[in-house]
Amino acid sequence: MIASPVKYFLYARKSSESEDRQVASIPSQIDELKKLAQKYNLKIIDVLIEEKSAKAPGRPIFSQMVAEIHKGVADGIICWKLDRLARNPVDGGTISWLLQQSLIKHIQTYEKSYYPQDNVLMMSLEFGMANQYIIDLSVNAKRGHRNKIQNGWYPHRPPLGYLNNKYKQPDLPSIYKDPDSFPLLKKLWDTLLQKNVLWKSYMLSLKK
């Protein structure tokens, strides 16, 4: 009996969060992976695009892809790297299990191929590294915020109408009024407060 050819989902993902700052754009991923599929004669049946972080389970397009693999719609995945599929142990375990059960017969990334008969340690290691990257990123971000607070800096973006003293100019505090936007915002709030006072006065006059 001749085995039927593997049917592939092309899965492209990029998050707007800092974890994916250096990752190729979605159009670039799709373009390069289509060339890869053509080179190896891989049959793509659908292109799935997700713009969401993979640091936690719950991506709708990823969940849809897994459900359709269970139904036998496709049995292969083409993606840029394994970390496009998962950066958390739940989703990583899902992909590993589907591969071990041969529900996924082949995963093709830009650099590597993964098959059910492969040593599972290599895939586990790559998913583990992707997850550890997220953990380290979170720890480093929190440490950076604590350092900013200790040094008198506002740890996030300054409120509207204010600017951070990025270059530590000695004649300015760590957060100072934006000379362009602050006067406009002050005028807006003064107008709103004045109208609020007038409205309260009017309502009180009606009760008399």
N, C-alpha and C. Protein backbone atom coordinates (compact mmCIF):
# COMPACT_ATOMS: atom_id res chain seq x y z
N MET A 1 0.85 -1.20 0.00
CA MET A 1 0.00 0.00 0.00
C MET A 1 0.88 1.25 0.00
N ILE A 2 0.60 2.16 -0.94
CA ILE A 2 1.40 3.39 -1.04
C ILE A 2 0.85 4.43 -0.05
N ALA A 3 1.73 4.98 0.80
CA ALA A 3 1.31 5.98 1.78
C ALA A 3 0.90 7.26 1.07
N SER A 4 -0.18 7.85 1.55
CA SER A 4 -0.63 9.11 0.97
C SER A 4 0.33 10.23 1.36
N PRO A 5 0.50 11.23 0.49
CA PRO A 5 1.43 12.32 0.80
C PRO A 5 0.97 13.13 2.02
N VAL A 6 1.91 13.63 2.75
CA VAL A 6 1.60 14.44 3.95
C VAL A 6 0.99 15.77 3.51
N LYS A 7 -0.05 16.17 4.23
CA LYS A 7 -0.71 17.46 3.98
C LYS A 7 -0.28 18.43 5.10
N TYR A 8 0.16 19.61 4.70
CA TYR A 8 0.77 20.52 5.66
C TYR A 8 -0.06 21.78 5.90
N PHE A 9 -0.05 22.21 7.18
CA PHE A 9 -0.44 23.56 7.53
C PHE A 9 0.83 24.40 7.56
N LEU A 10 0.80 25.55 6.93
CA LEU A 10 1.89 26.52 7.10
C LEU A 10 1.44 27.45 8.22
N TYR A 11 2.16 27.41 9.34
CA TYR A 11 1.80 28.21 10.52
C TYR A 11 2.82 29.32 10.71
N ALA A 12 2.36 30.56 10.61
CA ALA A 12 3.24 31.73 10.78
C ALA A 12 2.74 32.54 11.97
N ARG A 13 3.63 32.86 12.89
CA ARG A 13 3.24 33.61 14.08
C ARG A 13 4.29 34.66 14.43
N LYS A 14 3.82 35.81 14.86
CA LYS A 14 4.71 36.83 15.42
C LYS A 14 3.92 37.64 16.42
N SER A 15 4.48 37.83 17.59
CA SER A 15 3.82 38.60 18.63
C SER A 15 4.32 40.04 18.60
N SER A 16 3.46 40.95 19.00
CA SER A 16 3.87 42.36 19.08
C SER A 16 4.67 42.63 20.35
N GLU A 17 4.75 41.64 21.25
CA GLU A 17 5.47 41.81 22.50
C GLU A 17 6.98 41.67 22.27
N SER A 18 7.74 42.05 23.30
CA SER A 18 9.20 42.13 23.17
C SER A 18 9.84 40.77 22.90
N GLU A 19 9.14 39.67 23.22
CA GLU A 19 9.71 38.34 23.02
C GLU A 19 10.03 38.05 21.56
N ASP A 20 9.31 38.70 20.64
CA ASP A 20 9.47 38.42 19.21
C ASP A 20 10.04 39.61 18.44
N ARG A 21 10.75 40.47 19.12
CA ARG A 21 11.25 41.69 18.48
C ARG A 21 12.17 41.39 17.31
N GLN A 22 12.97 40.33 17.43
CA GLN A 22 13.96 40.01 16.40
C GLN A 22 13.48 38.97 15.39
N VAL A 23 12.24 38.50 15.52
CA VAL A 23 11.73 37.45 14.65
C VAL A 23 11.29 38.04 13.31
N ALA A 24 11.46 37.26 12.25
CA ALA A 24 11.05 37.69 10.91
C ALA A 24 9.55 37.99 10.89
N SER A 25 9.16 38.97 10.09
CA SER A 25 7.75 39.34 9.98
C SER A 25 6.93 38.18 9.43
N ILE A 26 5.62 38.23 9.63
CA ILE A 26 4.75 37.16 9.13
C ILE A 26 4.83 37.03 7.60
N PRO A 27 4.72 38.14 6.83
CA PRO A 27 4.85 37.99 5.37
C PRO A 27 6.19 37.38 4.96
N SER A 28 7.26 37.75 5.66
CA SER A 28 8.58 37.19 5.35
C SER A 28 8.62 35.69 5.66
N GLN A 29 8.05 35.29 6.81
CA GLN A 29 7.99 33.87 7.16
C GLN A 29 7.24 33.08 6.08
N ILE A 30 6.07 33.60 5.69
CA ILE A 30 5.24 32.90 4.70
C ILE A 30 5.98 32.76 3.37
N ASP A 31 6.60 33.86 2.95
CA ASP A 31 7.31 33.85 1.68
C ASP A 31 8.44 32.81 1.68
N GLU A 32 9.25 32.82 2.73
CA GLU A 32 10.39 31.89 2.79
C GLU A 32 9.92 30.43 2.94
N LEU A 33 8.85 30.22 3.71
CA LEU A 33 8.38 28.85 3.93
C LEU A 33 7.69 28.28 2.69
N LYS A 34 7.05 29.14 1.91
CA LYS A 34 6.47 28.66 0.65
C LYS A 34 7.57 28.23 -0.32
N LYS A 35 8.67 28.98 -0.33
CA LYS A 35 9.81 28.59 -1.16
C LYS A 35 10.38 27.25 -0.68
N LEU A 36 10.43 27.07 0.64
CA LEU A 36 10.93 25.83 1.22
C LEU A 36 10.02 24.66 0.83
N ALA A 37 8.72 24.88 0.90
CA ALA A 37 7.76 23.83 0.54
C ALA A 37 7.90 23.45 -0.93
N GLN A 38 8.11 24.46 -1.77
CA GLN A 38 8.29 24.19 -3.20
C GLN A 38 9.58 23.40 -3.44
N LYS A 39 10.61 23.75 -2.71
CA LYS A 39 11.90 23.08 -2.85
C LYS A 39 11.80 21.59 -2.51
N TYR A 40 11.07 21.27 -1.42
CA TYR A 40 10.96 19.89 -0.96
C TYR A 40 9.66 19.20 -1.40
N ASN A 41 8.90 19.90 -2.25
CA ASN A 41 7.65 19.34 -2.78
C ASN A 41 6.67 18.97 -1.66
N LEU A 42 6.47 19.91 -0.73
CA LEU A 42 5.55 19.70 0.39
C LEU A 42 4.21 20.37 0.05
N LYS A 43 3.13 19.64 0.25
CA LYS A 43 1.80 20.12 -0.12
C LYS A 43 1.17 20.92 1.01
N ILE A 44 1.05 22.24 0.81
CA ILE A 44 0.41 23.12 1.80
C ILE A 44 -1.08 23.19 1.49
N ILE A 45 -1.91 22.84 2.50
CA ILE A 45 -3.36 22.92 2.27
C ILE A 45 -3.98 24.19 2.86
N ASP A 46 -3.25 24.83 3.76
CA ASP A 46 -3.78 26.08 4.34
C ASP A 46 -2.64 26.85 5.00
N VAL A 47 -2.74 28.16 4.96
CA VAL A 47 -1.79 29.04 5.64
C VAL A 47 -2.49 29.65 6.85
N LEU A 48 -1.95 29.40 8.03
CA LEU A 48 -2.53 29.89 9.28
C LEU A 48 -1.65 30.99 9.86
N ILE A 49 -2.28 32.12 10.15
CA ILE A 49 -1.54 33.30 10.64
C ILE A 49 -2.03 33.64 12.04
N GLU A 50 -1.09 33.86 12.95
CA GLU A 50 -1.46 34.23 14.32
C GLU A 50 -0.57 35.37 14.81
N GLU A 51 -1.19 36.40 15.31
CA GLU A 51 -0.46 37.54 15.88
C GLU A 51 -0.72 37.58 17.38
N LYS A 52 -0.15 36.64 18.06
CA LYS A 52 -0.40 36.49 19.50
C LYS A 52 0.80 35.81 20.16
N SER A 53 1.08 36.19 21.40
CA SER A 53 2.18 35.59 22.12
C SER A 53 1.91 34.11 22.39
N ALA A 54 2.98 33.32 22.39
CA ALA A 54 2.87 31.89 22.69
C ALA A 54 3.38 31.58 24.10
N LYS A 55 3.52 32.59 24.94
CA LYS A 55 4.07 32.35 26.28
C LYS A 55 3.07 31.66 27.21
N ALA A 56 1.79 31.62 26.82
CA ALA A 56 0.78 30.92 27.60
C ALA A 56 -0.18 30.22 26.66
N PRO A 57 -0.81 29.12 27.11
CA PRO A 57 -1.79 28.43 26.26
C PRO A 57 -2.99 29.33 25.97
N GLY A 58 -3.72 29.01 24.89
CA GLY A 58 -4.95 29.75 24.61
C GLY A 58 -4.98 30.49 23.30
N ARG A 59 -4.03 30.20 22.38
CA ARG A 59 -4.07 30.86 21.08
C ARG A 59 -5.16 30.22 20.21
N PRO A 60 -6.10 31.01 19.68
CA PRO A 60 -7.22 30.43 18.93
C PRO A 60 -6.80 29.73 17.64
N ILE A 61 -5.87 30.31 16.88
CA ILE A 61 -5.47 29.70 15.60
C ILE A 61 -4.68 28.42 15.85
N PHE A 62 -3.82 28.44 16.86
CA PHE A 62 -3.06 27.25 17.22
C PHE A 62 -4.02 26.13 17.64
N SER A 63 -5.01 26.47 18.47
CA SER A 63 -6.00 25.47 18.93
C SER A 63 -6.79 24.91 17.75
N GLN A 64 -7.13 25.78 16.80
CA GLN A 64 -7.85 25.34 15.59
C GLN A 64 -6.98 24.35 14.80
N MET A 65 -5.69 24.68 14.68
CA MET A 65 -4.78 23.80 13.94
C MET A 65 -4.69 22.43 14.61
N VAL A 66 -4.55 22.40 15.94
CA VAL A 66 -4.46 21.13 16.67
C VAL A 66 -5.74 20.32 16.48
N ALA A 67 -6.90 20.99 16.56
CA ALA A 67 -8.18 20.28 16.40
C ALA A 67 -8.29 19.67 15.00
N GLU A 68 -7.85 20.39 13.98
CA GLU A 68 -7.95 19.88 12.62
C GLU A 68 -6.94 18.77 12.35
N ILE A 69 -5.82 18.81 13.04
CA ILE A 69 -4.87 17.69 12.94
C ILE A 69 -5.48 16.43 13.55
N HIS A 70 -6.18 16.58 14.68
CA HIS A 70 -6.87 15.44 15.29
C HIS A 70 -7.92 14.86 14.34
N LYS A 71 -8.55 15.71 13.54
CA LYS A 71 -9.58 15.26 12.60
C LYS A 71 -8.98 14.65 11.33
N GLY A 72 -7.66 14.80 11.15
CA GLY A 72 -7.02 14.25 9.96
C GLY A 72 -7.03 15.19 8.77
N VAL A 73 -7.37 16.46 9.00
CA VAL A 73 -7.38 17.43 7.90
C VAL A 73 -5.96 17.62 7.36
N ALA A 74 -5.00 17.65 8.25
CA ALA A 74 -3.58 17.75 7.87
C ALA A 74 -2.77 16.89 8.83
N ASP A 75 -1.58 16.49 8.40
CA ASP A 75 -0.71 15.69 9.28
C ASP A 75 0.73 16.16 9.21
N GLY A 76 0.90 17.43 8.85
CA GLY A 76 2.23 18.02 8.82
C GLY A 76 2.15 19.51 9.10
N ILE A 77 3.24 20.07 9.59
CA ILE A 77 3.31 21.51 9.88
C ILE A 77 4.61 22.07 9.30
N ILE A 78 4.50 23.21 8.67
CA ILE A 78 5.67 23.97 8.23
C ILE A 78 5.67 25.27 9.03
N CYS A 79 6.77 25.56 9.70
CA CYS A 79 6.86 26.80 10.49
C CYS A 79 8.31 27.28 10.48
N TRP A 80 8.51 28.53 10.86
CA TRP A 80 9.84 29.13 10.81
C TRP A 80 10.80 28.43 11.76
N LYS A 81 10.39 28.32 13.04
CA LYS A 81 11.15 27.60 14.07
C LYS A 81 10.14 26.97 15.02
N LEU A 82 10.59 26.04 15.85
CA LEU A 82 9.68 25.42 16.81
C LEU A 82 9.08 26.42 17.77
N ASP A 83 9.83 27.50 18.09
CA ASP A 83 9.28 28.48 19.04
C ASP A 83 8.11 29.28 18.45
N ARG A 84 7.87 29.16 17.14
CA ARG A 84 6.65 29.74 16.56
C ARG A 84 5.43 28.93 17.00
N LEU A 85 5.63 27.64 17.24
CA LEU A 85 4.53 26.77 17.67
C LEU A 85 4.27 26.89 19.16
N ALA A 86 5.31 27.00 19.96
CA ALA A 86 5.11 27.03 21.41
C ALA A 86 6.28 27.67 22.13
N ARG A 87 5.93 28.44 23.16
CA ARG A 87 6.91 28.96 24.11
C ARG A 87 6.47 28.61 25.53
N ASN A 88 5.52 27.70 25.66
CA ASN A 88 5.07 27.26 26.98
C ASN A 88 4.99 25.73 26.98
N PRO A 89 5.13 25.10 28.16
CA PRO A 89 5.22 23.63 28.21
C PRO A 89 3.93 22.92 27.81
N VAL A 90 2.78 23.57 27.94
CA VAL A 90 1.51 22.92 27.59
C VAL A 90 1.41 22.73 26.08
N ASP A 91 1.60 23.81 25.33
CA ASP A 91 1.53 23.72 23.87
C ASP A 91 2.69 22.91 23.30
N GLY A 92 3.86 23.06 23.92
CA GLY A 92 5.01 22.26 23.48
C GLY A 92 4.75 20.77 23.66
N GLY A 93 4.13 20.41 24.81
CA GLY A 93 3.79 19.02 25.06
C GLY A 93 2.75 18.50 24.08
N THR A 94 1.81 19.35 23.71
CA THR A 94 0.77 18.97 22.75
C THR A 94 1.39 18.59 21.40
N ILE A 95 2.28 19.44 20.92
CA ILE A 95 2.93 19.18 19.63
C ILE A 95 3.80 17.92 19.71
N SER A 96 4.55 17.78 20.80
CA SER A 96 5.41 16.60 20.97
C SER A 96 4.58 15.32 20.98
N TRP A 97 3.44 15.34 21.67
CA TRP A 97 2.60 14.16 21.78
C TRP A 97 1.96 13.80 20.43
N LEU A 98 1.49 14.83 19.71
CA LEU A 98 0.91 14.58 18.39
C LEU A 98 1.95 13.96 17.45
N LEU A 99 3.19 14.40 17.57
CA LEU A 99 4.26 13.85 16.73
C LEU A 99 4.56 12.41 17.14
N GLN A 100 4.65 12.14 18.45
CA GLN A 100 4.94 10.78 18.92
C GLN A 100 3.84 9.80 18.51
N GLN A 101 2.59 10.29 18.46
CA GLN A 101 1.46 9.44 18.09
C GLN A 101 1.27 9.35 16.58
N SER A 102 2.15 10.01 15.83
CA SER A 102 2.10 10.03 14.36
C SER A 102 0.85 10.71 13.80
N LEU A 103 0.14 11.46 14.65
CA LEU A 103 -0.94 12.31 14.12
C LEU A 103 -0.31 13.45 13.32
N ILE A 104 0.87 13.87 13.77
CA ILE A 104 1.73 14.72 12.95
C ILE A 104 2.84 13.81 12.42
N LYS A 105 2.95 13.72 11.13
CA LYS A 105 3.96 12.83 10.53
C LYS A 105 5.28 13.55 10.24
N HIS A 106 5.21 14.89 10.18
CA HIS A 106 6.43 15.63 9.83
C HIS A 106 6.24 17.10 10.19
N ILE A 107 7.23 17.67 10.83
CA ILE A 107 7.30 19.12 11.05
C ILE A 107 8.55 19.62 10.34
N GLN A 108 8.36 20.58 9.47
CA GLN A 108 9.49 21.15 8.72
C GLN A 108 9.67 22.60 9.12
N THR A 109 10.83 22.92 9.70
CA THR A 109 11.16 24.32 9.97
C THR A 109 12.14 24.78 8.90
N TYR A 110 12.55 26.04 8.99
CA TYR A 110 13.46 26.56 7.98
C TYR A 110 14.80 25.83 8.00
N GLU A 111 15.16 25.29 9.18
CA GLU A 111 16.48 24.67 9.31
C GLU A 111 16.45 23.16 9.56
N LYS A 112 15.33 22.62 10.08
CA LYS A 112 15.32 21.23 10.52
C LYS A 112 14.03 20.51 10.14
N SER A 113 14.10 19.18 10.21
CA SER A 113 12.92 18.33 10.05
C SER A 113 12.74 17.52 11.33
N TYR A 114 11.48 17.24 11.68
CA TYR A 114 11.16 16.45 12.87
C TYR A 114 10.16 15.37 12.48
N TYR A 115 10.45 14.13 12.90
CA TYR A 115 9.62 12.98 12.56
C TYR A 115 9.26 12.20 13.83
N PRO A 116 8.19 11.39 13.77
CA PRO A 116 7.79 10.62 14.95
C PRO A 116 8.88 9.72 15.51
N GLN A 117 9.74 9.19 14.66
CA GLN A 117 10.77 8.26 15.12
C GLN A 117 12.01 8.95 15.68
N ASP A 118 12.04 10.27 15.65
CA ASP A 118 13.22 11.01 16.15
C ASP A 118 13.33 10.91 17.67
N ASN A 119 14.51 11.19 18.16
CA ASN A 119 14.76 11.26 19.60
C ASN A 119 13.97 12.44 20.18
N VAL A 120 13.06 12.17 21.11
CA VAL A 120 12.18 13.21 21.65
C VAL A 120 12.94 14.23 22.49
N LEU A 121 14.14 13.87 22.94
CA LEU A 121 14.91 14.79 23.78
C LEU A 121 15.27 16.07 23.03
N MET A 122 15.57 15.97 21.74
CA MET A 122 15.97 17.15 20.98
C MET A 122 14.83 18.15 20.88
N MET A 123 13.62 17.65 20.57
CA MET A 123 12.47 18.55 20.49
C MET A 123 12.15 19.13 21.87
N SER A 124 12.21 18.29 22.90
CA SER A 124 11.93 18.76 24.27
C SER A 124 12.92 19.85 24.67
N LEU A 125 14.17 19.68 24.28
CA LEU A 125 15.20 20.67 24.58
C LEU A 125 14.89 22.01 23.91
N GLU A 126 14.49 21.96 22.64
CA GLU A 126 14.19 23.20 21.92
C GLU A 126 12.97 23.91 22.50
N PHE A 127 11.93 23.15 22.82
CA PHE A 127 10.75 23.75 23.45
C PHE A 127 11.10 24.30 24.83
N GLY A 128 11.96 23.56 25.57
CA GLY A 128 12.39 24.02 26.89
C GLY A 128 13.17 25.33 26.81
N MET A 129 14.03 25.45 25.80
CA MET A 129 14.80 26.69 25.62
C MET A 129 13.88 27.86 25.28
N ALA A 130 12.83 27.60 24.46
CA ALA A 130 11.88 28.65 24.11
C ALA A 130 11.12 29.12 25.34
N ASN A 131 10.75 28.16 26.20
CA ASN A 131 10.04 28.50 27.44
C ASN A 131 10.95 29.25 28.41
N GLN A 132 12.21 28.80 28.51
CA GLN A 132 13.16 29.46 29.42
C GLN A 132 13.43 30.89 28.98
N TYR A 133 13.42 31.13 27.68
CA TYR A 133 13.61 32.49 27.16
C TYR A 133 12.53 33.42 27.70
N ILE A 134 11.28 32.94 27.71
CA ILE A 134 10.17 33.73 28.22
C ILE A 134 10.32 34.00 29.72
N ILE A 135 10.74 32.97 30.46
CA ILE A 135 10.93 33.13 31.91
C ILE A 135 12.02 34.17 32.18
N ASP A 136 13.15 34.05 31.47
CA ASP A 136 14.27 34.99 31.66
C ASP A 136 13.86 36.40 31.28
N LEU A 137 13.07 36.53 30.21
CA LEU A 137 12.62 37.84 29.75
C LEU A 137 11.78 38.51 30.83
N SER A 138 10.88 37.74 31.45
CA SER A 138 10.03 38.28 32.50
C SER A 138 10.84 38.71 33.72
N VAL A 139 11.81 37.84 34.13
CA VAL A 139 12.65 38.15 35.29
C VAL A 139 13.47 39.42 35.04
N ASN A 140 14.04 39.52 33.84
CA ASN A 140 14.88 40.69 33.51
C ASN A 140 14.05 41.97 33.46
N ALA A 141 12.83 41.87 32.92
CA ALA A 141 11.96 43.05 32.84
C ALA A 141 11.59 43.55 34.24
N LYS A 142 11.25 42.61 35.14
CA LYS A 142 10.88 42.99 36.51
C LYS A 142 12.07 43.60 37.24
N ARG A 143 13.26 43.03 37.02
CA ARG A 143 14.47 43.58 37.65
C ARG A 143 14.74 44.99 37.14
N GLY A 144 14.54 45.20 35.84
CA GLY A 144 14.73 46.53 35.27
C GLY A 144 13.77 47.55 35.85
N HIS A 145 12.51 47.13 36.06
CA HIS A 145 11.52 48.03 36.67
C HIS A 145 11.91 48.38 38.11
N ARG A 146 12.38 47.37 38.87
CA ARG A 146 12.79 47.65 40.25
C ARG A 146 13.94 48.63 40.29
N ASN A 147 14.91 48.47 39.39
CA ASN A 147 16.05 49.39 39.34
C ASN A 147 15.61 50.81 39.02
N LYS A 148 14.65 50.94 38.10
CA LYS A 148 14.14 52.27 37.75
C LYS A 148 13.49 52.93 38.96
N ILE A 149 12.69 52.15 39.70
CA ILE A 149 12.01 52.69 40.88
C ILE A 149 13.03 53.14 41.92
N GLN A 150 14.05 52.30 42.14
CA GLN A 150 15.08 52.64 43.12
C GLN A 150 15.83 53.91 42.74
N ASN A 151 15.97 54.15 41.44
CA ASN A 151 16.68 55.34 40.96
C ASN A 151 15.76 56.54 40.76
N GLY A 152 14.51 56.39 41.20
CA GLY A 152 13.58 57.53 41.12
C GLY A 152 12.90 57.67 39.77
N TRP A 153 12.98 56.64 38.93
CA TRP A 153 12.35 56.69 37.61
C TRP A 153 10.97 56.06 37.68
N TYR A 154 10.06 56.58 36.87
CA TYR A 154 8.76 55.95 36.68
C TYR A 154 8.99 54.71 35.83
N PRO A 155 8.58 53.49 36.30
CA PRO A 155 8.97 52.26 35.61
C PRO A 155 8.27 51.99 34.29
N HIS A 156 7.25 52.78 33.97
CA HIS A 156 6.53 52.58 32.71
C HIS A 156 6.56 53.89 31.93
N ARG A 157 5.75 53.95 30.89
CA ARG A 157 5.66 55.21 30.15
C ARG A 157 5.11 56.30 31.05
N PRO A 158 5.63 57.51 30.94
CA PRO A 158 5.13 58.59 31.80
C PRO A 158 3.68 58.93 31.45
N PRO A 159 2.93 59.53 32.39
CA PRO A 159 1.55 59.91 32.10
C PRO A 159 1.49 60.90 30.94
N LEU A 160 0.33 60.96 30.31
CA LEU A 160 0.13 61.89 29.20
C LEU A 160 0.43 63.32 29.65
N GLY A 161 1.24 64.01 28.87
CA GLY A 161 1.61 65.38 29.23
C GLY A 161 2.97 65.48 29.88
N TYR A 162 3.61 64.32 30.11
CA TYR A 162 4.92 64.30 30.77
C TYR A 162 5.93 63.51 29.92
N LEU A 163 7.20 63.73 30.19
CA LEU A 163 8.27 63.02 29.47
C LEU A 163 9.27 62.46 30.48
N ASN A 164 9.91 61.34 30.12
CA ASN A 164 11.01 60.82 30.93
C ASN A 164 12.29 61.59 30.60
N ASN A 165 13.08 61.83 31.60
CA ASN A 165 14.38 62.48 31.41
C ASN A 165 15.38 61.39 30.98
N LYS A 166 15.25 60.97 29.70
CA LYS A 166 16.04 59.84 29.20
C LYS A 166 17.54 60.08 29.28
N TYR A 167 17.95 61.31 29.05
CA TYR A 167 19.38 61.60 28.96
C TYR A 167 19.93 62.19 30.27
N LYS A 168 19.10 62.10 31.34
CA LYS A 168 19.52 62.53 32.69
C LYS A 168 20.09 63.95 32.70
N GLN A 169 19.34 64.85 32.07
CA GLN A 169 19.76 66.25 32.08
C GLN A 169 19.69 66.78 33.52
N PRO A 170 20.75 67.36 34.02
CA PRO A 170 20.83 67.73 35.44
C PRO A 170 19.82 68.80 35.85
N ASP A 171 19.35 69.61 34.90
CA ASP A 171 18.42 70.69 35.25
C ASP A 171 16.96 70.24 35.20
N LEU A 172 16.72 68.94 34.97
CA LEU A 172 15.35 68.42 34.89
C LEU A 172 15.17 67.24 35.84
N PRO A 173 13.95 67.09 36.41
CA PRO A 173 13.67 65.90 37.24
C PRO A 173 13.55 64.65 36.36
N SER A 174 13.38 63.49 36.99
CA SER A 174 13.31 62.25 36.22
C SER A 174 12.10 62.22 35.30
N ILE A 175 11.00 62.86 35.71
CA ILE A 175 9.82 63.03 34.85
C ILE A 175 9.48 64.52 34.85
N TYR A 176 9.33 65.10 33.67
CA TYR A 176 9.06 66.54 33.60
C TYR A 176 7.92 66.82 32.62
N LYS A 177 7.38 68.02 32.73
CA LYS A 177 6.24 68.40 31.89
C LYS A 177 6.67 68.54 30.43
N ASP A 178 5.88 67.95 29.54
CA ASP A 178 6.11 68.09 28.11
C ASP A 178 5.71 69.51 27.70
N PRO A 179 6.65 70.31 27.23
CA PRO A 179 6.32 71.71 26.90
C PRO A 179 5.27 71.84 25.80
N ASP A 180 5.10 70.84 24.98
CA ASP A 180 4.11 70.90 23.89
C ASP A 180 2.72 70.47 24.34
N SER A 181 2.64 69.31 24.99
CA SER A 181 1.32 68.75 25.31
C SER A 181 0.77 69.15 26.67
N PHE A 182 1.65 69.45 27.66
CA PHE A 182 1.17 69.74 29.01
C PHE A 182 0.24 70.95 29.05
N PRO A 183 0.57 72.09 28.43
CA PRO A 183 -0.33 73.24 28.49
C PRO A 183 -1.71 72.95 27.89
N LEU A 184 -1.75 72.16 26.82
CA LEU A 184 -3.03 71.81 26.20
C LEU A 184 -3.87 70.93 27.11
N LEU A 185 -3.21 69.95 27.74
CA LEU A 185 -3.93 69.07 28.67
C LEU A 185 -4.42 69.83 29.89
N LYS A 186 -3.60 70.76 30.39
CA LYS A 186 -4.00 71.56 31.54
C LYS A 186 -5.24 72.40 31.21
N LYS A 187 -5.24 72.99 30.01
CA LYS A 187 -6.38 73.79 29.58
C LYS A 187 -7.64 72.93 29.46
N LEU A 188 -7.45 71.70 28.94
CA LEU A 188 -8.58 70.78 28.80
C LEU A 188 -9.17 70.43 30.15
N TRP A 189 -8.31 70.09 31.12
CA TRP A 189 -8.81 69.73 32.44
C TRP A 189 -9.44 70.92 33.15
N ASP A 190 -8.86 72.10 33.01
CA ASP A 190 -9.45 73.30 33.61
C ASP A 190 -10.86 73.54 33.08
N THR A 191 -11.02 73.35 31.76
CA THR A 191 -12.33 73.54 31.14
C THR A 191 -13.33 72.51 31.65
N LEU A 192 -12.90 71.25 31.75
CA LEU A 192 -13.78 70.20 32.25
C LEU A 192 -14.19 70.44 33.70
N LEU A 193 -13.23 70.85 34.53
CA LEU A 193 -13.53 71.12 35.94
C LEU A 193 -14.48 72.31 36.09
N GLN A 194 -14.27 73.33 35.27
CA GLN A 194 -15.14 74.50 35.33
C GLN A 194 -16.57 74.13 34.94
N LYS A 195 -16.70 73.32 33.89
CA LYS A 195 -18.03 72.91 33.46
C LYS A 195 -18.69 72.02 34.50
N ASN A 196 -17.88 71.21 35.18
CA ASN A 196 -18.40 70.35 36.23
C ASN A 196 -18.95 71.17 37.39
N VAL A 197 -18.23 72.23 37.77
CA VAL A 197 -18.68 73.12 38.84
C VAL A 197 -19.98 73.81 38.45
N LEU A 198 -20.06 74.29 37.21
CA LEU A 198 -21.27 74.96 36.73
C LEU A 198 -22.46 74.00 36.71
N TRP A 199 -22.21 72.75 36.30
CA TRP A 199 -23.27 71.75 36.25
C TRP A 199 -23.79 71.44 37.65
N LYS A 200 -22.89 71.31 38.63
CA LYS A 200 -23.31 71.06 40.01
C LYS A 200 -24.12 72.22 40.56
N SER A 201 -23.71 73.43 40.23
CA SER A 201 -24.43 74.62 40.69
C SER A 201 -25.84 74.65 40.10
N TYR A 202 -25.93 74.28 38.83
CA TYR A 202 -27.23 74.24 38.17
C TYR A 202 -28.15 73.20 38.79
N MET A 203 -27.61 72.01 39.08
CA MET A 203 -28.42 70.96 39.69
C MET A 203 -28.88 71.32 41.08
N LEU A 204 -28.01 72.02 41.85
CA LEU A 204 -28.40 72.47 43.18
C LEU A 204 -29.52 73.50 43.13
N SER A 205 -29.45 74.38 42.11
CA SER A 205 -30.48 75.42 41.96
C SER A 205 -31.84 74.82 41.65
N LEU A 206 -31.88 73.68 40.99
CA LEU A 206 -33.13 73.02 40.66
C LEU A 206 -33.79 72.40 41.89
N LYS A 207 -32.96 72.03 42.86
CA LYS A 207 -33.49 71.39 44.06
C LYS A 207 -34.09 72.40 45.04
N LYS A 208 -33.74 73.69 44.88
CA LYS A 208 -34.24 74.72 45.80
C LYS A 208 -35.70 75.07 45.53
